[in-house]
Protein backbone atom coordinates (compact mmCIF):
# COMPACT_ATOMS: atom_id res chain seq x y z
CA MET A 1 -9.53 -46.75 -10.38
CA THR A 2 -6.11 -48.20 -11.32
CA LEU A 3 -2.79 -46.45 -10.75
CA ARG A 4 -2.42 -46.00 -14.53
CA SER A 5 -5.87 -44.39 -14.70
CA VAL A 6 -4.96 -41.99 -11.90
CA GLU A 7 -1.71 -41.13 -13.65
CA ASN A 8 -3.46 -40.47 -16.98
CA LEU A 9 -6.10 -38.33 -15.26
CA CYS A 10 -3.42 -36.29 -13.50
CA LYS A 11 -1.57 -35.74 -16.77
CA LEU A 12 -4.77 -34.54 -18.43
CA GLN A 13 -5.62 -32.21 -15.55
CA MET A 14 -2.08 -30.85 -15.39
CA THR A 15 -2.16 -30.05 -19.10
CA ILE A 16 -5.29 -27.98 -18.53
CA ILE A 17 -3.99 -26.44 -15.31
CA PHE A 18 -0.81 -25.12 -16.85
CA SER A 19 -2.62 -23.74 -19.86
CA LEU A 20 -4.03 -21.27 -17.34
CA LEU A 21 -0.62 -20.04 -16.35
CA ILE A 22 -0.46 -17.85 -19.43
CA PHE A 23 -3.47 -15.61 -19.84
CA PHE A 24 -4.17 -16.47 -23.48
CA ALA A 25 -2.99 -20.07 -23.48
CA MET A 26 -6.57 -20.93 -24.31
CA ALA A 27 -5.91 -19.45 -27.72
CA GLU A 28 -3.29 -22.16 -28.21
CA SER A 29 -4.70 -25.21 -26.51
CA SER A 30 -8.40 -24.71 -25.87
CA PHE A 31 -9.39 -24.49 -29.53
CA SER A 32 -8.82 -27.31 -32.03
CA GLN A 33 -8.86 -26.58 -35.74
CA GLN A 34 -11.84 -27.43 -37.90
CA HIS A 35 -10.94 -28.32 -41.48
CA ASN A 36 -12.52 -26.11 -44.08
CA ALA A 37 -10.89 -25.33 -47.39
CA ASN A 38 -12.99 -22.25 -48.06
CA PRO A 39 -12.48 -18.77 -46.57
CA ASP A 40 -14.96 -18.22 -43.74
CA THR A 41 -16.62 -14.96 -44.68
CA THR A 42 -20.17 -15.84 -43.68
CA LYS A 43 -19.72 -15.31 -39.95
CA THR A 44 -19.05 -11.59 -40.07
CA LYS A 45 -21.57 -8.79 -39.89
CA PRO A 46 -20.99 -5.04 -40.24
CA ASP A 47 -20.54 -2.84 -37.19
CA THR A 48 -18.15 -0.09 -36.14
CA THR A 49 -15.56 -2.01 -34.11
CA VAL A 50 -11.86 -1.55 -34.79
CA THR A 51 -9.31 -4.26 -34.04
CA ASP A 52 -6.51 -3.64 -31.51
CA THR A 53 -7.56 -0.18 -30.38
CA SER A 54 -9.48 1.12 -27.41
CA VAL A 55 -12.58 1.56 -29.59
CA THR A 56 -15.30 -0.78 -28.32
CA LYS A 57 -18.85 -1.79 -29.06
CA LYS A 58 -21.61 -3.10 -26.83
CA ASN A 59 -21.85 -6.89 -26.78
CA SER A 60 -24.55 -8.55 -28.81
CA SER A 61 -25.42 -10.83 -25.87
CA LYS A 62 -25.82 -9.24 -22.45
CA ILE A 63 -24.80 -10.92 -19.20
CA ASP A 64 -26.76 -10.40 -15.98
CA THR A 65 -24.29 -8.39 -13.89
CA THR A 66 -25.84 -9.75 -10.68
CA VAL A 67 -24.57 -13.25 -11.49
CA ALA A 68 -21.48 -14.28 -9.50
CA GLY A 69 -18.34 -14.26 -11.65
CA GLU A 70 -17.65 -17.98 -11.22
CA ASP A 71 -21.21 -18.82 -12.32
CA LEU A 72 -20.55 -17.17 -15.69
CA LEU A 73 -18.68 -20.35 -16.63
CA LYS A 74 -21.96 -22.27 -16.66
CA ASP A 75 -23.17 -23.33 -20.09
CA LYS A 76 -26.24 -21.09 -19.99
CA TYR A 77 -23.97 -18.03 -19.87
CA GLU A 78 -21.80 -19.04 -22.81
CA SER A 79 -20.47 -15.94 -24.57
CA LYS A 80 -21.13 -15.22 -28.23
CA PRO A 81 -18.88 -13.04 -30.38
CA THR A 82 -19.90 -9.53 -31.28
CA ALA A 83 -20.32 -8.82 -34.99
CA TYR A 84 -17.41 -6.89 -36.46
CA ASP A 85 -16.84 -4.77 -39.53
CA THR A 86 -14.81 -6.28 -42.39
CA THR A 87 -14.55 -2.99 -44.23
CA ASN A 88 -10.91 -2.01 -44.86
CA LYS A 89 -9.72 -5.25 -43.24
CA ILE A 90 -7.30 -7.73 -44.81
CA LEU A 91 -8.16 -11.39 -45.31
CA LEU A 92 -5.33 -13.61 -44.04
CA PRO A 93 -4.91 -17.38 -43.65
CA LEU A 94 -5.16 -18.53 -40.04
CA ASN A 95 -2.65 -21.37 -40.39
CA LEU A 96 0.10 -22.84 -42.54
CA LYS A 97 -2.36 -25.06 -44.42
CA LYS A 98 -4.27 -21.97 -45.54
CA ASP A 99 -7.57 -23.78 -45.15
CA LYS A 100 -9.09 -21.18 -42.79
CA PHE A 101 -9.24 -17.40 -43.22
CA ALA A 102 -10.33 -14.37 -41.21
CA TYR A 103 -10.27 -10.58 -41.47
CA PHE A 104 -7.65 -8.57 -39.57
CA ASP A 105 -6.99 -4.87 -39.04
CA ALA A 106 -4.34 -3.45 -41.37
CA SER A 107 -4.50 0.13 -40.08
CA GLN A 108 -2.11 -0.23 -37.14
CA SER A 109 1.41 1.22 -37.31
CA ILE A 110 4.52 -0.07 -35.56
CA ASP A 111 5.29 3.57 -34.78
CA ARG A 112 2.19 3.90 -32.62
CA ILE A 113 2.55 4.94 -28.97
CA ILE A 114 0.19 3.33 -26.46
CA PRO A 115 -0.06 5.06 -23.05
CA ASN A 116 0.92 2.65 -20.28
CA ASN A 117 0.00 3.33 -16.67
CA ALA A 118 -0.50 -0.36 -15.88
CA PHE A 119 2.93 -1.97 -15.46
CA ASP A 120 6.67 -1.41 -15.58
CA VAL A 121 10.00 -3.21 -15.21
CA LYS A 122 10.48 -5.20 -11.98
CA GLU A 123 6.81 -6.13 -11.64
CA LYS A 124 6.50 -9.68 -10.32
CA LEU A 125 3.24 -11.56 -9.72
CA THR A 126 3.15 -14.94 -7.97
CA PHE A 127 0.15 -17.28 -8.33
CA ILE A 128 -1.04 -20.46 -6.67
CA ILE A 129 -2.67 -22.92 -9.06
CA ARG A 130 -5.44 -25.03 -7.56
CA TYR A 131 -7.50 -27.94 -8.84
CA GLY A 132 -10.49 -27.59 -6.55
CA PRO A 133 -8.96 -27.40 -3.04
CA ILE A 134 -5.73 -29.15 -4.12
CA LYS A 135 -2.62 -27.08 -4.79
CA ALA A 136 -1.41 -28.13 -8.24
CA GLY A 137 1.49 -25.75 -8.71
CA THR A 138 2.78 -22.19 -8.77
CA ALA A 139 3.40 -19.60 -11.48
CA ILE A 140 5.33 -16.35 -11.65
CA MET A 141 4.68 -13.60 -14.20
CA SER A 142 7.40 -10.95 -14.27
CA ILE A 143 9.06 -8.15 -16.25
CA PRO A 144 12.73 -8.51 -15.26
CA ARG A 145 14.30 -6.00 -17.64
CA VAL A 146 14.20 -3.92 -20.83
CA VAL A 147 16.17 -5.29 -23.82
CA LYS A 148 16.70 -4.45 -27.50
CA LYS A 149 14.98 -6.50 -30.22
CA MET A 150 15.02 -5.65 -33.92
CA GLY A 151 16.54 -2.30 -32.94
CA ARG A 152 13.64 -1.48 -30.62
CA LYS A 153 13.43 -1.13 -26.86
CA CYS A 154 11.31 -3.98 -25.47
CA TYR A 155 9.97 -5.27 -22.18
CA LYS A 156 11.20 -8.80 -21.52
CA ILE A 157 8.14 -10.54 -20.07
CA GLN A 158 8.34 -14.06 -18.73
CA THR A 159 6.12 -16.63 -17.09
CA GLU A 160 7.50 -19.58 -15.17
CA ALA A 161 5.33 -22.48 -14.03
CA LYS A 162 6.05 -25.54 -11.95
CA SER A 163 3.89 -28.32 -10.62
CA SER A 164 3.58 -29.07 -6.90
CA ALA A 165 5.37 -32.01 -5.29
CA PHE A 166 2.17 -34.07 -5.36
CA PHE A 167 1.40 -33.52 -9.03
CA SER A 168 5.08 -33.80 -9.99
CA ALA A 169 4.97 -37.42 -8.87
CA PHE A 170 2.61 -38.05 -11.80
CA PHE A 171 3.43 -35.29 -14.25
CA LYS A 172 6.29 -32.90 -13.53
CA VAL A 173 6.00 -29.46 -15.12
CA ARG A 174 8.77 -26.86 -15.40
CA ASP A 175 7.73 -24.43 -18.12
CA LYS A 176 9.05 -21.01 -19.09
CA VAL A 177 7.56 -18.61 -21.64
CA ILE A 178 9.28 -15.38 -22.70
CA SER A 179 7.95 -12.51 -24.77
CA TYR A 180 9.55 -9.33 -26.10
CA MET A 181 7.03 -6.49 -26.11
CA ASP A 182 7.66 -3.18 -27.84
CA ALA A 183 7.99 -0.63 -25.02
CA LYS A 184 6.09 2.09 -26.92
CA GLY A 185 3.68 0.28 -29.25
CA LEU A 186 2.99 -2.68 -26.91
CA PHE A 187 3.09 -5.46 -29.52
CA SER A 188 5.40 -8.45 -29.95
CA TRP A 189 8.83 -8.72 -31.59
CA GLY A 190 9.66 -12.20 -30.32
CA PHE A 191 8.39 -15.18 -28.36
CA GLU A 192 9.99 -18.22 -26.72
CA LYS A 193 8.33 -21.26 -25.18
CA HIS A 194 10.42 -23.75 -23.22
CA LEU A 195 8.29 -26.71 -22.14
CA ARG A 196 9.36 -29.40 -19.69
CA GLU A 197 6.24 -31.48 -19.09
CA GLY A 198 6.79 -35.06 -17.99
CA LYS A 199 8.97 -36.71 -20.63
CA TYR A 200 8.00 -34.09 -23.18
CA HIS A 201 10.62 -31.38 -23.84
CA SER A 202 10.21 -28.66 -26.41
CA ASP A 203 11.84 -25.33 -27.24
CA ARG A 204 10.00 -23.06 -29.67
CA PHE A 205 10.98 -19.63 -30.91
CA VAL A 206 9.10 -17.08 -33.01
CA VAL A 207 10.50 -13.91 -34.54
CA TYR A 208 7.84 -11.33 -35.38
CA ASP A 209 9.11 -9.33 -38.33
CA GLN A 210 6.73 -6.42 -37.84
CA TYR A 211 8.55 -4.44 -40.54
CA HIS A 212 7.55 -6.89 -43.29
CA GLY A 213 4.56 -8.69 -41.74
CA TRP A 214 5.86 -12.22 -41.07
CA ALA A 215 6.02 -14.59 -38.11
CA VAL A 216 8.99 -16.97 -38.53
CA THR A 217 9.66 -19.93 -36.21
CA ASN A 218 12.84 -21.83 -35.36
CA LYS A 219 11.49 -24.62 -37.57
CA LYS A 220 11.56 -22.17 -40.50
CA ASP A 221 7.78 -22.02 -40.75
CA SER A 222 6.44 -18.61 -41.76
CA LEU A 223 2.98 -17.07 -41.63
CA ARG A 224 1.70 -13.69 -42.74
CA ILE A 225 0.67 -11.48 -39.81
CA PRO A 226 -1.26 -8.22 -39.51
CA PRO A 227 0.57 -5.13 -38.23
CA CYS A 228 1.24 -5.01 -34.47
CA VAL A 229 0.17 -8.61 -33.91
CA HIS A 230 0.41 -9.99 -30.36
CA ASP A 231 1.64 -13.22 -28.85
CA ILE A 232 -0.21 -14.75 -25.90
CA LEU A 233 1.74 -12.74 -23.31
CA THR A 234 1.73 -9.34 -25.02
CA SER A 235 -2.04 -9.78 -25.56
CA PHE A 236 -2.49 -9.96 -21.80
CA TYR A 237 -0.26 -7.01 -20.99
CA PHE A 238 -1.77 -4.89 -23.78
CA ILE A 239 -5.26 -5.44 -22.36
CA ARG A 240 -4.05 -4.16 -19.00
CA THR A 241 -3.38 -0.75 -20.58
CA GLN A 242 -6.83 -0.39 -22.12
CA LYS A 243 -10.05 1.13 -20.84
CA LEU A 244 -12.46 -1.70 -19.96
CA GLU A 245 -16.18 -1.02 -19.58
CA VAL A 246 -18.84 -3.51 -18.55
CA GLY A 247 -20.99 -4.53 -21.50
CA LYS A 248 -18.34 -3.56 -24.05
CA SER A 249 -15.58 -5.47 -25.82
CA LEU A 250 -11.98 -5.04 -26.82
CA PHE A 251 -10.57 -6.57 -30.02
CA LEU A 252 -7.03 -7.63 -30.87
CA ASP A 253 -5.10 -10.00 -33.13
CA ASN A 254 -3.06 -12.82 -31.64
CA HIS A 255 -0.53 -15.34 -33.01
CA ALA A 256 0.34 -18.67 -31.36
CA ASP A 257 1.69 -22.02 -32.61
CA ASN A 258 1.67 -21.06 -36.29
CA LYS A 259 -1.92 -19.84 -36.12
CA LEU A 260 -3.62 -16.44 -36.09
CA TYR A 261 -6.43 -15.88 -33.62
CA PRO A 262 -8.82 -12.93 -33.99
CA LEU A 263 -9.75 -12.33 -30.34
CA GLU A 264 -12.54 -10.49 -28.55
CA ILE A 265 -12.27 -9.63 -24.87
CA LYS A 266 -15.72 -9.58 -23.27
CA VAL A 267 -16.05 -7.33 -20.23
CA HIS A 268 -18.75 -9.01 -18.17
CA LYS A 269 -19.08 -7.33 -14.78
CA LYS A 270 -17.47 -5.80 -11.71
CA GLU A 271 -16.98 -7.86 -8.56
CA ARG A 272 -15.15 -7.66 -5.24
CA ILE A 273 -13.18 -10.82 -4.40
CA ARG A 274 -10.74 -12.01 -1.78
CA VAL A 275 -7.57 -13.96 -2.66
CA LYS A 276 -4.30 -14.76 -0.90
CA ALA A 277 -2.85 -11.36 -1.87
CA GLY A 278 -5.80 -9.44 -0.39
CA THR A 279 -9.28 -8.16 -1.24
CA PHE A 280 -9.76 -6.35 -4.55
CA ASN A 281 -12.44 -4.61 -6.59
CA CYS A 282 -12.22 -6.35 -9.97
CA ILE A 283 -13.40 -6.35 -13.56
CA VAL A 284 -14.31 -9.81 -14.89
CA VAL A 285 -13.27 -10.41 -18.51
CA GLU A 286 -13.34 -13.37 -20.89
CA PRO A 287 -11.28 -13.93 -24.06
CA ILE A 288 -13.14 -15.58 -26.94
CA LEU A 289 -12.63 -15.97 -30.67
CA ARG A 290 -13.98 -13.01 -32.61
CA ALA A 291 -15.99 -15.10 -35.07
CA GLU A 292 -17.83 -18.38 -34.67
CA GLY A 293 -16.94 -21.30 -36.90
CA LEU A 294 -13.19 -20.65 -37.11
CA PHE A 295 -12.24 -23.10 -34.38
CA LYS A 296 -14.07 -25.49 -32.09
CA SER A 297 -14.23 -24.30 -28.50
CA LYS A 298 -13.16 -26.79 -25.81
CA GLY A 299 -13.09 -24.54 -22.79
CA ARG A 300 -13.63 -21.10 -21.34
CA LEU A 301 -11.50 -18.82 -19.18
CA LEU A 302 -12.52 -15.97 -16.89
CA VAL A 303 -10.02 -13.43 -15.56
CA TRP A 304 -10.45 -11.02 -12.65
CA LEU A 305 -8.43 -7.78 -13.13
CA THR A 306 -8.16 -5.03 -10.53
CA ASP A 307 -10.58 -2.20 -11.28
CA ASP A 308 -7.93 0.50 -11.56
CA GLU A 309 -5.33 1.70 -14.06
CA ARG A 310 -2.99 -1.21 -13.30
CA LYS A 311 -5.51 -4.01 -14.04
CA ILE A 312 -3.47 -6.55 -12.10
CA PRO A 313 -4.62 -10.14 -12.67
CA VAL A 314 -6.02 -11.33 -9.34
CA GLN A 315 -7.66 -14.59 -10.38
CA MET A 316 -8.07 -16.84 -13.43
CA LYS A 317 -10.61 -19.64 -13.49
CA SER A 318 -11.61 -22.32 -15.96
CA LYS A 319 -14.26 -25.04 -15.77
CA ILE A 320 -13.06 -28.50 -16.78
CA LEU A 321 -14.68 -31.92 -17.03
CA ILE A 322 -14.68 -32.32 -13.25
CA GLY A 323 -14.56 -29.12 -11.19
CA TYR A 324 -12.58 -25.92 -11.70
CA ILE A 325 -8.96 -24.90 -12.17
CA THR A 326 -8.05 -21.62 -10.46
CA ALA A 327 -4.96 -19.41 -10.58
CA GLU A 328 -5.01 -17.13 -7.52
CA LEU A 329 -2.68 -14.20 -6.88
CA LYS A 330 -0.56 -14.88 -3.81
CA LYS A 331 1.97 -12.05 -3.89
CA MET A 332 2.70 -8.94 -5.96
CA GLU A 333 5.97 -7.03 -6.08
CA GLY A 334 7.11 -3.97 -8.01
CA VAL A 335 3.61 -3.01 -9.12
CA LYS A 336 2.81 0.61 -9.93
CA LYS A 337 1.26 2.79 -7.26
CA GLU A 338 -2.44 3.54 -7.65
């Protein structure tokens, strides 16, 4: 293998690795758009699920709970979306081209109050990112302070990621993502993504006008959004506040990179695992798109959350072309008491 081949492989792997550093980065980078000019209404079937609430429904495909969590990434255990009810939902375009559509919940109110016993200001979680046995980098997820956005009190949530010295020789990564989450309703008012990946530099901003239902970027692009829509970080923190039961699903609406993603969170099993930060009883969950045919899947992500009210992320794992990428909790600070 030539030096150039090694460098290209490392760049590819690092791109995948650091998509794991944000819980729902798969919603941005692990699905590529399929072109279809017609609204996709054929993939939905009636049931009683409600988007973005704690109401859940048993999965249409059951997973053997005796299977080890990591093995769930094998192709034979590929997750299928649960049917969902389109009654009283609004049909919105998924992208700026308006060539894909999906149904979203219009019943949510920005005045809602979601109980939160999971996290608070000053929480700081430090992860080691590994490609197989090789340390590829580190990531920190934190809530440094409460700020005001659009006249509302918000948690400032941020994730910082950097590649290790070894990987930086091929592909240096210094990324920061910031989200502003409504402190009472737990949805997004704003999102920032500052990417420093090799020679690629990018700064992206999104303002979520929840009052009027628009997501507006710093490039002046705008997309209609359902009420209380999430970004990729608020999605993760919202899930931590919800009741998760094995064999059931949670539904929520997510926005990223000028696209809407109707997400389903599959709750697969409970499992006890050991990581750098200690040994934990966990719930294993998987985010997938809520309807087949909207986007083409390129990868899967499993997340281990502590089986308590805090639902601290202990491990994230994704299978790639060769081996696995793992984000493992190394240290936690400022977490709520059990």
